[in-house]
Protein backbone atom coordinates (compact mmCIF):
# COMPACT_ATOMS: atom_id res chain seq x y z
CA MET A 1 34.97 -40.84 1.12
CA ASN A 2 33.21 -44.20 0.47
CA ARG A 3 29.74 -44.22 -1.10
CA SER A 4 28.09 -45.75 2.01
CA LEU A 5 29.30 -42.92 4.26
CA GLU A 6 28.45 -40.35 1.58
CA SER A 7 24.89 -41.71 1.34
CA ARG A 8 24.44 -41.61 5.13
CA ILE A 9 25.65 -37.98 5.25
CA LEU A 10 23.28 -37.04 2.42
CA LEU A 11 20.40 -38.77 4.20
CA LEU A 12 21.24 -36.91 7.43
CA ILE A 13 21.25 -33.57 5.59
CA CYS A 14 17.89 -34.35 3.97
CA LEU A 15 16.34 -35.34 7.32
CA THR A 16 17.70 -32.16 8.93
CA LEU A 17 16.20 -30.03 6.18
CA PHE A 18 12.91 -31.91 6.44
CA LEU A 19 12.70 -31.24 10.16
CA PHE A 20 13.86 -27.63 9.93
CA VAL A 21 11.95 -26.25 6.95
CA PRO A 22 8.37 -26.43 8.35
CA ALA A 23 9.27 -24.29 11.37
CA THR A 24 11.13 -21.83 9.17
CA CYS A 25 8.23 -21.62 6.73
CA ALA A 26 5.78 -21.03 9.58
CA GLN A 27 7.88 -18.11 10.77
CA GLU A 28 8.26 -16.72 7.27
CA GLN A 29 4.54 -16.91 6.63
CA TYR A 30 3.32 -15.05 9.72
CA LYS A 31 1.36 -12.80 7.36
CA LYS A 32 -0.72 -15.87 6.41
CA LEU A 33 -1.36 -17.38 9.84
CA GLY A 34 -4.06 -15.08 11.21
CA ARG A 35 -5.49 -14.46 7.75
CA ASP A 36 -6.03 -18.17 7.06
CA ALA A 37 -7.55 -18.77 10.48
CA ILE A 38 -9.98 -15.87 9.95
CA SER A 39 -10.91 -17.57 6.67
CA GLN A 40 -11.73 -20.70 8.66
CA ILE A 41 -14.00 -18.64 10.92
CA VAL A 42 -15.80 -17.21 7.88
CA ASP A 43 -16.40 -20.81 6.73
CA GLY A 44 -17.79 -21.79 10.14
CA LYS A 45 -14.75 -23.85 11.15
CA TYR A 46 -14.52 -22.18 14.54
CA ASP A 47 -12.84 -25.01 16.43
CA ALA A 48 -10.09 -25.35 13.83
CA ALA A 49 -9.39 -21.62 14.09
CA ILE A 50 -9.42 -21.77 17.89
CA GLU A 51 -6.99 -24.70 17.84
CA HIS A 52 -4.65 -22.74 15.56
CA PHE A 53 -4.75 -19.55 17.61
CA GLU A 54 -4.42 -21.31 20.99
CA ASP A 55 -1.49 -23.37 19.72
CA TYR A 56 0.30 -20.30 18.41
CA LEU A 57 -0.47 -18.28 21.54
CA GLY A 58 0.92 -21.13 23.66
CA LYS A 59 4.24 -20.76 21.85
CA HIS A 60 4.07 -16.96 21.60
CA PRO A 61 2.16 -15.76 24.71
CA LYS A 62 2.12 -12.09 23.68
CA ASP A 63 0.91 -12.55 20.09
CA LEU A 64 -1.81 -9.93 19.66
CA GLU A 65 -3.27 -11.37 16.46
CA SER A 66 -3.91 -14.70 18.19
CA MET A 67 -5.77 -12.94 21.01
CA TYR A 68 -7.79 -10.97 18.49
CA GLY A 69 -8.56 -14.11 16.47
CA LEU A 70 -9.70 -16.02 19.55
CA ALA A 71 -12.07 -13.18 20.46
CA VAL A 72 -13.53 -13.38 16.94
CA ALA A 73 -13.84 -17.16 16.99
CA TYR A 74 -15.51 -17.31 20.41
CA ALA A 75 -17.83 -14.48 19.43
CA GLN A 76 -18.98 -16.54 16.46
CA LYS A 77 -19.52 -19.49 18.81
CA GLN A 78 -21.66 -17.19 20.98
CA ASP A 79 -19.30 -17.78 23.90
CA ILE A 80 -19.12 -14.12 24.90
CA ASP A 81 -17.45 -14.75 28.26
CA LYS A 82 -14.41 -16.35 26.58
CA ALA A 83 -14.40 -13.71 23.85
CA ILE A 84 -14.26 -10.96 26.48
CA VAL A 85 -11.35 -12.70 28.21
CA TYR A 86 -9.29 -12.45 25.02
CA VAL A 87 -10.42 -8.88 24.32
CA GLU A 88 -9.18 -7.80 27.75
CA GLN A 89 -5.96 -9.80 27.38
CA ALA A 90 -5.29 -8.17 24.00
CA LEU A 91 -5.97 -4.69 25.39
CA ASP A 92 -3.65 -5.31 28.33
CA GLU A 93 -0.88 -6.27 25.88
CA GLY A 94 -1.39 -3.14 23.78
CA LEU A 95 -3.83 -3.97 20.96
CA PRO A 96 -5.87 -0.83 20.14
CA PHE A 97 -9.52 -1.09 21.15
CA SER A 98 -10.35 0.19 17.67
CA ARG A 99 -9.52 -3.27 16.27
CA PHE A 100 -12.65 -4.68 17.86
CA ILE A 101 -14.82 -1.81 16.62
CA ALA A 102 -13.47 -1.90 13.06
CA GLY A 103 -14.24 -5.56 12.67
CA PRO A 104 -14.83 -7.30 10.37
CA ARG A 105 -18.09 -6.11 11.85
CA ASP A 106 -20.22 -9.08 10.82
CA LEU A 107 -17.82 -11.50 12.49
CA LEU A 108 -17.61 -9.46 15.68
CA LYS A 109 -21.29 -8.50 15.92
CA PRO A 110 -22.21 -11.11 18.58
CA LEU A 111 -19.42 -9.64 20.71
CA THR A 112 -19.96 -5.94 20.06
CA ASP A 113 -23.72 -6.31 20.68
CA SER A 114 -23.11 -7.85 24.10
CA THR A 115 -23.63 -6.02 27.38
CA GLU A 116 -20.12 -6.91 28.48
CA PHE A 117 -18.50 -5.36 25.42
CA LYS A 118 -20.63 -2.22 25.61
CA ALA A 119 -19.39 -1.72 29.16
CA LEU A 120 -15.81 -1.95 27.87
CA ALA A 121 -16.60 0.48 25.06
CA LYS A 122 -17.56 3.14 27.58
CA LYS A 123 -14.07 2.93 29.06
CA HIS A 124 -12.33 2.93 25.68
CA SER A 125 -14.29 5.50 23.73
CA VAL A 126 -12.92 5.83 20.20
CA GLU A 127 -14.33 7.72 17.23
CA LEU A 128 -11.48 7.68 14.70
CA LEU A 129 -10.65 4.06 13.85
CA HIS A 130 -8.19 4.42 10.97
CA GLY A 131 -6.38 7.28 9.34
CA PRO A 132 -5.96 10.03 8.58
CA LEU A 133 -4.35 8.74 5.40
CA LEU A 134 -3.00 11.50 3.18
CA GLY A 135 -3.32 11.25 -0.60
CA CYS A 136 -4.11 13.03 -3.86
CA VAL A 137 -1.74 15.89 -3.02
CA THR A 138 -1.22 18.48 -5.76
CA ASP A 139 0.25 21.97 -5.80
CA THR A 140 -3.06 23.42 -4.54
CA SER A 141 -4.96 20.59 -2.82
CA ALA A 142 -4.88 17.41 -0.77
CA LYS A 143 -7.30 14.71 0.38
CA LEU A 144 -7.56 12.94 3.72
CA TRP A 145 -9.09 9.48 4.16
CA VAL A 146 -10.56 8.37 7.49
CA ARG A 147 -12.65 5.52 8.96
CA THR A 148 -14.90 6.10 11.97
CA SER A 149 -16.77 3.96 14.48
CA ASN A 150 -20.16 5.04 13.16
CA GLU A 151 -21.38 7.33 10.42
CA ALA A 152 -19.98 10.62 11.63
CA LEU A 153 -19.32 14.21 10.65
CA VAL A 154 -15.59 14.69 10.05
CA GLN A 155 -14.12 18.18 10.07
CA VAL A 156 -10.59 18.94 8.95
CA PHE A 157 -9.04 22.21 10.13
CA VAL A 158 -6.03 23.32 8.08
CA SER A 159 -3.60 26.21 8.60
CA THR A 160 -0.07 27.26 7.71
CA SER A 161 0.44 28.04 11.40
CA GLU A 162 1.49 25.33 13.83
CA LYS A 163 -0.09 27.48 16.53
CA MET A 164 -3.62 26.98 15.27
CA HIS A 165 -6.00 25.99 18.05
CA LEU A 166 -9.59 24.85 18.18
CA ASP A 167 -11.03 26.60 21.20
CA ILE A 168 -14.05 27.36 19.07
CA LYS A 169 -14.36 23.66 18.25
CA SER A 170 -16.97 23.27 15.54
CA VAL A 171 -19.37 26.08 16.39
CA ILE A 172 -18.82 27.85 13.07
CA ALA A 173 -18.24 24.78 10.94
CA ARG A 174 -21.03 22.58 12.28
CA THR A 175 -23.67 24.30 10.15
CA ALA A 176 -21.46 24.78 7.08
CA LYS A 177 -22.32 22.88 3.91
CA THR A 178 -18.99 23.58 2.22
CA SER A 179 -15.53 24.65 3.32
CA VAL A 180 -15.26 27.81 5.36
CA ALA A 181 -12.32 30.00 6.32
CA PHE A 182 -11.96 32.07 9.47
CA PHE A 183 -9.42 33.46 11.91
CA VAL A 184 -8.54 32.36 15.42
CA GLY A 185 -6.22 33.92 17.99
CA ASP A 186 -3.35 36.10 16.76
CA GLY A 187 -4.92 36.36 13.33
CA VAL A 188 -4.10 32.75 12.34
CA ALA A 189 -6.04 31.79 9.20
CA VAL A 190 -7.81 28.42 9.40
CA LYS A 191 -9.72 26.57 6.70
CA CYS A 192 -12.38 24.03 7.68
CA VAL A 193 -13.60 21.26 5.35
CA ILE A 194 -16.38 18.85 6.18
CA ALA A 195 -17.42 15.36 5.09
CA LYS A 196 -19.47 12.52 6.50
CA THR A 197 -18.35 8.91 6.70
CA ASN A 198 -20.58 6.44 4.91
CA ARG A 199 -21.70 3.00 6.11
CA ALA A 200 -21.92 1.84 2.48
CA LYS A 201 -18.21 2.65 2.09
CA ASP A 202 -17.20 0.81 5.25
CA PHE A 203 -17.60 3.94 7.39
CA THR A 204 -14.99 5.88 5.44
CA ALA A 205 -14.86 9.34 3.91
CA VAL A 206 -12.36 11.27 1.82
CA VAL A 207 -12.14 14.94 2.79
CA ALA A 208 -10.86 17.23 0.01
CA VAL A 209 -8.97 20.38 0.97
CA ARG A 210 -8.59 22.86 -1.90
CA GLY A 211 -7.32 26.38 -2.45
CA LEU A 212 -3.88 25.76 -0.94
CA LYS A 213 -0.55 27.34 -1.86
CA PRO A 214 2.15 25.37 -3.73
CA ASP A 215 5.20 23.98 -1.92
CA THR A 216 3.84 25.00 1.48
CA ARG A 217 3.73 23.22 4.83
CA TYR A 218 0.18 22.89 6.24
CA TYR A 219 -0.86 21.71 9.69
CA TYR A 220 -4.17 20.00 10.32
CA LYS A 221 -6.41 18.72 13.06
CA LEU A 222 -9.53 16.55 12.97
CA LEU A 223 -12.87 16.72 14.71
CA VAL A 224 -14.92 13.53 14.55
CA ASP A 225 -18.54 13.90 15.59
CA GLY A 226 -17.56 17.03 17.51
CA SER A 227 -14.69 15.39 19.40
CA VAL A 228 -11.23 16.85 18.86
CA GLU A 229 -8.54 14.33 17.96
CA PRO A 230 -5.47 15.13 20.07
CA ARG A 231 -2.83 14.91 17.33
CA LEU A 232 -1.61 17.77 15.15
CA TRP A 233 -0.49 16.47 11.75
CA SER A 234 1.05 18.17 8.74
CA PHE A 235 1.77 17.78 5.03
CA ARG A 236 3.48 19.74 2.29
CA THR A 237 1.84 20.62 -1.02
CA PHE A 238 3.72 19.75 -4.21
CA PRO A 239 5.72 22.27 -6.28
CA VAL A 240 3.86 24.17 -9.00
CA SER A 241 2.75 21.66 -11.60
CA GLY A 242 5.04 21.48 -14.61
CA THR A 243 7.86 23.52 -13.07
CA LYS A 244 11.46 22.48 -12.54
CA SER A 245 11.96 21.13 -9.04
CA ARG A 246 13.96 18.92 -6.71
CA PHE A 247 12.32 16.31 -4.47
CA TRP A 248 12.50 12.76 -3.11
CA ILE A 249 9.81 10.07 -3.17
CA GLY A 250 9.84 6.50 -1.87
CA PHE A 251 8.46 3.26 -3.28
CA GLY A 252 8.22 -0.43 -2.53
CA GLY A 253 6.03 -3.51 -2.31
CA GLY A 254 6.04 -6.78 -0.41
CA ALA A 255 4.53 -5.46 2.80
CA GLY A 256 3.22 -8.63 4.42
CA PHE A 257 2.05 -8.03 7.99
CA THR A 258 5.05 -8.84 10.20
CA PRO A 259 4.95 -7.25 13.67
CA GLN A 260 8.73 -7.11 14.21
CA TYR A 261 9.17 -5.34 10.86
CA GLU A 262 6.35 -2.83 11.14
CA ARG A 263 9.06 -0.42 12.32
CA MET A 264 9.86 -0.04 8.62
CA TRP A 265 7.16 2.67 8.45
CA ASP A 266 9.04 4.63 11.14
CA THR A 267 12.25 4.28 9.13
CA ILE A 268 10.66 5.62 5.96
CA ALA A 269 8.99 8.45 7.92
CA THR A 270 12.38 9.83 8.97
CA HIS A 271 12.96 10.90 5.34
CA ASN A 272 10.00 13.33 5.37
CA LEU A 273 8.93 12.31 1.87
CA PRO A 274 6.15 14.13 0.05
CA ALA A 275 4.89 10.83 -1.38
CA PHE A 276 5.32 7.07 -1.17
CA LEU A 277 4.26 4.57 -3.84
CA LEU A 278 2.96 1.17 -2.73
CA LEU A 279 3.39 -1.08 -5.77
CA GLY A 280 1.47 -4.17 -4.73
CA ASP A 281 1.38 -7.06 -2.26
CA ASN A 282 0.65 -4.31 0.23
CA VAL A 283 -1.32 -6.44 2.71
CA TYR A 284 -1.40 -10.02 1.31
CA ILE A 285 -4.99 -11.26 1.19
CA ASP A 286 -5.07 -14.15 -1.33
CA ASN A 287 -8.80 -14.52 -0.80
CA PRO A 288 -10.94 -12.78 -3.43
CA THR A 289 -14.24 -14.41 -2.44
CA ARG A 290 -14.31 -13.62 1.29
CA GLN A 291 -14.70 -9.92 1.97
CA ALA A 292 -14.28 -10.34 5.73
CA VAL A 293 -10.79 -11.78 5.18
CA GLN A 294 -9.92 -8.85 2.92
CA GLN A 295 -11.13 -6.41 5.56
CA TYR A 296 -9.18 -8.19 8.29
CA CYS A 297 -5.96 -7.86 6.30
CA TYR A 298 -6.49 -4.13 5.74
CA TYR A 299 -7.58 -3.42 9.31
CA ARG A 300 -4.62 -5.05 11.04
CA ARG A 301 -2.21 -2.90 9.02
CA GLN A 302 -4.29 0.30 9.32
CA SER A 303 -4.39 -0.14 13.09
CA ARG A 304 -0.62 -0.28 13.51
CA PRO A 305 0.61 2.97 15.13
CA GLU A 306 3.75 3.04 12.93
CA PHE A 307 1.71 2.87 9.74
CA ARG A 308 -0.86 5.40 10.96
CA ASP A 309 1.84 7.91 11.85
CA PHE A 310 3.56 7.46 8.50
CA VAL A 311 0.49 7.84 6.25
CA ALA A 312 -0.82 10.88 8.13
CA PHE A 313 2.22 12.90 6.97
CA THR A 314 3.11 11.24 3.64
CA ALA A 315 0.89 11.10 0.55
CA ILE A 316 0.24 7.44 -0.30
CA TYR A 317 -0.39 6.17 -3.84
CA ALA A 318 -1.27 2.46 -4.08
CA ILE A 319 -1.80 -0.18 -6.74
CA TRP A 320 -2.35 -3.89 -6.18
CA ASP A 321 -0.61 -7.06 -7.27
CA ASP A 322 -1.78 -10.68 -7.19
CA HIS A 323 -1.85 -11.21 -3.42
CA ASP A 324 -4.06 -8.15 -2.81
CA PHE A 325 -6.37 -8.73 -5.79
CA THR A 326 -6.68 -12.49 -6.24
CA THR A 327 -4.31 -15.41 -5.55
CA ASN A 328 -0.67 -16.12 -6.35
CA ASP A 329 0.29 -15.28 -9.96
CA ALA A 330 -3.38 -15.11 -11.02
CA GLY A 331 -5.33 -12.49 -12.96
CA GLY A 332 -8.93 -11.49 -13.35
CA GLY A 333 -9.37 -12.01 -17.10
CA PRO A 334 -10.68 -9.65 -19.79
CA LYS A 335 -14.28 -9.34 -18.55
CA ILE A 336 -15.31 -6.41 -16.37
CA ARG A 337 -17.71 -8.33 -14.12
CA LYS A 338 -16.50 -11.90 -14.46
CA PRO A 339 -15.53 -13.61 -12.26
CA ALA A 340 -18.17 -12.18 -9.94
CA TRP A 341 -15.69 -11.46 -7.16
CA LYS A 342 -13.83 -8.79 -9.16
CA ILE A 343 -16.16 -5.85 -8.48
CA PRO A 344 -16.44 -6.51 -4.69
CA VAL A 345 -12.64 -6.81 -4.40
CA TRP A 346 -12.26 -3.56 -6.32
CA ARG A 347 -14.76 -1.79 -4.03
CA THR A 348 -12.94 -3.01 -0.95
CA PHE A 349 -9.70 -1.68 -2.41
CA THR A 350 -11.23 1.74 -3.14
CA ASN A 351 -12.63 1.86 0.40
CA ASN A 352 -9.17 1.42 1.88
CA TRP A 353 -6.95 3.75 -0.17
CA ASN A 354 -6.90 7.38 -1.20
CA ASN A 355 -5.93 7.51 -4.88
CA PRO A 356 -6.71 10.31 -7.37
CA TYR A 357 -8.97 7.89 -9.27
CA TYR A 358 -9.46 4.18 -9.88
CA ALA A 359 -9.13 3.42 -13.60
CA GLY A 360 -12.44 4.24 -15.28
CA GLY A 361 -14.64 3.93 -12.19
CA GLU A 362 -17.75 1.74 -12.11
CA ASN A 363 -17.84 1.40 -15.90
CA GLN A 364 -14.18 0.40 -16.24
CA PRO A 365 -12.90 -0.74 -12.83
CA GLY A 366 -9.24 -1.19 -12.04
CA CYS A 367 -6.54 0.50 -9.98
CA TRP A 368 -4.51 2.37 -12.62
CA PHE A 369 -4.10 6.15 -12.36
CA ASP A 370 -1.58 8.92 -12.91
CA PHE A 371 -0.38 11.95 -10.97
CA SER A 372 2.42 14.53 -11.15
CA ILE A 373 4.96 16.23 -8.90
CA GLY A 374 6.58 19.30 -10.46
CA ASP A 375 7.59 18.21 -13.96
CA VAL A 376 7.67 14.48 -13.24
CA ASP A 377 4.70 12.33 -14.29
CA PHE A 378 3.88 9.00 -12.62
CA PHE A 379 1.83 6.29 -14.35
CA MET A 380 0.63 3.64 -11.90
CA LEU A 381 -0.32 0.42 -13.70
CA ASP A 382 -2.80 -2.35 -12.93
CA GLY A 383 -1.30 -5.70 -13.87
CA ARG A 384 -4.14 -7.91 -12.59
CA TYR A 385 -7.75 -6.84 -13.18
CA TYR A 386 -7.78 -7.52 -16.95
CA ARG A 387 -4.82 -9.90 -17.14
CA THR A 388 -5.31 -12.94 -19.38
CA LYS A 389 -3.39 -16.17 -19.03
CA SER A 390 0.08 -15.81 -20.51
CA ARG A 391 -0.30 -18.84 -22.80
CA VAL A 392 -3.41 -17.70 -24.66
CA LYS A 393 -3.18 -16.12 -28.09
CA ASN A 394 -2.09 -12.45 -27.81
CA PRO A 395 -1.88 -12.43 -23.99
CA SER A 396 -2.33 -9.11 -22.21
CA MET A 397 -1.41 -7.97 -18.75
CA LEU A 398 -3.00 -4.52 -19.03
CA GLY A 399 -6.09 -4.97 -21.21
CA ASP A 400 -7.12 -2.75 -24.11
CA ALA A 401 -8.69 0.08 -22.08
CA GLN A 402 -5.67 0.56 -19.83
CA LYS A 403 -3.23 0.36 -22.71
CA LYS A 404 -5.16 3.02 -24.63
CA TRP A 405 -5.13 5.23 -21.52
CA LEU A 406 -1.39 4.71 -21.05
CA PHE A 407 -0.48 5.54 -24.64
CA GLU A 408 -2.62 8.68 -24.64
CA LYS A 409 -1.12 9.86 -21.35
CA LEU A 410 2.44 9.17 -22.44
CA LYS A 411 2.00 10.91 -25.78
CA SER A 412 0.56 14.04 -24.16
CA SER A 413 3.08 14.20 -21.30
CA LYS A 414 5.47 17.17 -21.33
CA ALA A 415 7.25 16.07 -18.16
CA THR A 416 11.02 15.85 -17.93
CA PHE A 417 10.78 12.35 -16.45
CA LYS A 418 7.99 9.80 -16.89
CA VAL A 419 7.85 6.98 -14.36
CA LEU A 420 6.11 3.73 -15.38
CA ALA A 421 5.23 1.87 -12.19
CA SER A 422 4.45 -1.82 -12.65
CA PRO A 423 3.50 -4.30 -9.92
CA VAL A 424 5.76 -6.93 -11.55
CA PRO A 425 9.29 -6.72 -13.00
CA TRP A 426 9.94 -5.50 -16.54
CA ALA A 427 13.35 -7.18 -16.91
CA PHE A 428 13.20 -10.74 -18.21
CA GLY A 429 15.88 -11.99 -15.84
CA ALA A 430 14.18 -10.84 -12.64
CA LYS A 431 12.20 -14.07 -12.18
CA PRO A 432 13.72 -16.71 -14.48
CA GLY A 433 11.34 -19.38 -15.75
CA SER A 434 8.19 -17.56 -14.64
CA ARG A 435 5.50 -16.24 -16.97
CA ASP A 436 3.98 -14.04 -14.26
CA PRO A 437 6.12 -10.88 -14.79
CA TRP A 438 6.53 -9.14 -18.15
CA GLN A 439 8.57 -12.02 -19.57
CA GLY A 440 5.25 -13.87 -19.86
CA TYR A 441 3.85 -10.93 -21.85
CA LYS A 442 6.79 -10.18 -24.14
CA ALA A 443 4.75 -8.96 -27.12
CA GLU A 444 2.81 -6.45 -25.00
CA ARG A 445 5.99 -5.22 -23.34
CA GLU A 446 7.52 -4.77 -26.79
CA GLU A 447 4.42 -2.87 -27.88
CA ILE A 448 4.90 -0.42 -24.99
CA PHE A 449 8.63 0.02 -25.54
CA SER A 450 8.19 0.40 -29.32
CA PHE A 451 5.54 3.05 -28.69
CA LEU A 452 8.09 5.04 -26.68
CA GLU A 453 10.54 4.84 -29.54
CA ALA A 454 8.09 5.53 -32.35
CA ASN A 455 6.90 8.66 -30.53
CA GLU A 456 10.37 9.65 -29.28
CA ILE A 457 9.21 9.81 -25.70
CA ASP A 458 12.25 10.70 -23.60
CA GLY A 459 12.99 10.45 -19.90
CA VAL A 460 11.19 7.17 -19.14
CA ILE A 461 12.12 5.32 -15.94
CA LEU A 462 10.73 1.91 -14.97
CA ILE A 463 9.96 0.91 -11.40
CA SER A 464 8.43 -2.31 -10.11
CA ALA A 465 7.90 -4.59 -7.14
CA ASP A 466 7.02 -8.32 -6.60
CA ARG A 467 10.54 -9.76 -6.02
CA HIS A 468 11.47 -9.69 -2.33
CA ARG A 469 14.66 -7.68 -2.71
CA SER A 470 15.82 -4.36 -4.22
CA ASP A 471 17.36 -4.39 -7.72
CA ILE A 472 18.66 -2.29 -10.59
CA TRP A 473 18.26 -3.57 -14.16
CA LYS A 474 19.31 -2.24 -17.55
CA ILE A 475 17.18 -3.15 -20.58
CA ASP A 476 19.05 -2.40 -23.79
CA ARG A 477 16.97 -1.37 -26.80
CA PRO A 478 18.03 -1.72 -30.44
CA ASN A 479 16.14 1.38 -31.59
CA GLY A 480 16.07 3.59 -28.52
CA TYR A 481 17.87 4.52 -25.34
CA PRO A 482 18.43 1.87 -22.63
CA LEU A 483 15.57 1.57 -20.15
CA TYR A 484 16.55 1.35 -16.49
CA GLU A 485 14.37 -0.46 -13.99
CA PHE A 486 14.46 0.07 -10.23
CA GLU A 487 12.76 -2.76 -8.32
CA SER A 488 11.98 -2.97 -4.59
CA SER A 489 9.56 -5.30 -2.82
CA LYS A 490 10.69 -6.27 0.65
CA LEU A 491 9.16 -3.60 2.85
CA THR A 492 8.10 -5.83 5.74
CA ASN A 493 8.31 -9.38 4.38
CA ILE A 494 10.45 -12.01 6.07
CA HIS A 495 10.46 -14.20 2.97
CA THR A 496 13.35 -13.35 0.62
CA HIS A 497 14.11 -13.93 -3.07
CA LYS A 498 17.68 -14.47 -4.13
CA VAL A 499 19.60 -11.84 -6.08
CA MET A 500 19.66 -12.52 -9.81
CA PRO A 501 22.98 -12.52 -11.73
CA GLY A 502 21.66 -10.34 -14.58
CA SER A 503 20.97 -7.30 -12.43
CA LEU A 504 23.33 -4.35 -12.16
CA PHE A 505 22.89 -4.55 -8.41
CA GLY A 506 20.72 -6.49 -5.98
CA TYR A 507 20.16 -6.51 -2.22
CA ASN A 508 18.14 -8.92 -0.07
CA LYS A 509 19.84 -9.14 3.32
CA LYS A 510 17.30 -6.99 5.19
CA CYS A 511 13.95 -5.36 4.50
CA SER A 512 14.43 -2.37 2.23
CA PHE A 513 12.72 0.30 0.16
CA GLY A 514 13.60 2.53 -2.75
CA LEU A 515 14.20 6.29 -2.72
CA LEU A 516 14.06 8.31 -5.94
CA GLN A 517 15.47 11.83 -6.05
CA PHE A 518 14.49 13.99 -9.00
CA ASP A 519 16.41 17.15 -9.80
CA THR A 520 15.03 18.81 -12.92
CA ALA A 521 16.39 22.27 -12.14
CA ILE A 522 19.94 21.51 -13.26
CA PRO A 523 21.06 21.77 -16.92
CA ASP A 524 21.06 17.98 -17.39
CA PRO A 525 18.21 16.79 -15.12
CA GLN A 526 19.00 13.78 -12.97
CA VAL A 527 17.26 10.97 -11.13
CA THR A 528 19.02 9.13 -8.29
CA TYR A 529 17.93 5.77 -6.90
CA LYS A 530 18.93 4.81 -3.37
CA ILE A 531 18.32 1.47 -1.70
CA ILE A 532 17.70 2.00 2.03
CA ASN A 533 17.28 -0.86 4.49
CA ILE A 534 15.04 -1.06 7.54
CA ASP A 535 17.89 0.16 9.76
CA ASN A 536 18.13 3.32 7.62
CA GLU A 537 21.44 2.31 6.07
CA VAL A 538 22.11 3.48 2.51
CA ILE A 539 22.99 0.27 0.67
CA TYR A 540 23.54 1.56 -2.85
CA THR A 541 23.22 4.74 -4.91
CA PHE A 542 22.75 4.95 -8.68
CA SER A 543 22.20 8.08 -10.80
CA LEU A 544 20.93 8.70 -14.34
CA LYS A 545 21.08 11.86 -16.43
CA LYS A 546 18.23 12.90 -18.69
CA SER A 547 20.75 12.87 -21.55
CA GLN A 548 21.05 9.10 -21.04
CA LEU A 549 17.30 8.72 -21.55
CA THR A 550 16.95 10.65 -24.80
CA HIS A 551 16.30 9.41 -28.31
CA LYS A 552 18.90 10.25 -30.92
CA LYS A 553 17.06 12.55 -33.29
CA GLY A 554 16.72 11.35 -36.88
CA LYS A 555 17.26 7.67 -36.05
């Protein structure tokens, strides 16, 4: 081939790529489109947002987020007639009316205060906006998170009988200050627990149900402000703490809002898991200074019927990564209250999840926490709140307070397996050339791994997210057993990261999540990792014995 023809072919390829890539990127970044336009509305750039939404709606006439965004934009312009047109169009196409009640309330206030909207609200009465979201399950308790239209009394009725009914409604419980127990027809025992949603916490409440039996299926119903929610939900308590057991849990990250992939939550739900770990990039906000944008990103996911069904039956444990806390690959720095946006972002996070605790609370904010199932301990890490830049002297991803907490918890753990959950990969080859994962914090990673060896802490498994694929990695150690890392972070994202050659296995063809089965009742306890794709196909299975994760005594 002569050089002239070769050059023309190369130029043609480059022009083709130039023309094709923007459209592809726009499709891949659906999670950003509505979010960025809402950010424009917050900044008063209403016409720019309207132009974006109308253009997208012209190409995709049934796009619900564009209809919602146009209602918000026209509300801010005080053009209520146009806002109502888009509200009604969105409702006709299936958007829940609760989206317009949830908000962001400040942005929608001109609309929701209007006579026209109030007339619609009478036809679409809704009390429970989001939830129930199950969390904090133990062998004897559970907590349920909800968000309501207004500050409201929320009553949770719990029973081991699926035949429980609420003919009595809230007559007994309405005057109760604490939980009460009573019997209904056929001698069915029912427990009632009460809480009130709080405007200061974005109209949410967490209802704690205690005094339950281990490893038992419970059914529950909700009353919100005296109105019975039609659904009957259920959950299962965990096995007795510290005992040998067999169970599955799921995990993953990379859950950018993508309507055609929201069916992933239905796929995961078919496995009837007691718990699911969300390891970061759960909603993709990338906007730490605009609370309304953060709320918008949470609300659109919490309003999806697939997600609502899933979290009502499965205990959810969530940490954040960069896109939910700040911006791409960024951290908050070592100060508790600087930059000033850190505390508000943290409060928004705590208002939208249902974790056992959030680091050290107001005095030491963050999202790290731990919990247990049977004799498996889980340590959920915060890689962002106190993260320093990787090129400073003695860089830290965790910060001193979290590292102290982690070492104390690990040293005191008697569990057969200990799971260290990081929002970013542990293996150095997972994101070559980047200093954002642990390869940018090599000394701190070595400090953690050396601590395991110095204290002969056995049974440690690493899990992580961030890379848009599902991987298995082996990290060999000169003075201890090899550490295995299971990574999965393509729950609902379209965008994909290529498989890395250093992994034991990698998969990126479809959205996927990780399943971990723990069996500690057999002589040599075992953990099995399965990669499952959005179509519920088992892509790969990998098992480890406890004997493979044990220090050689005397070394």
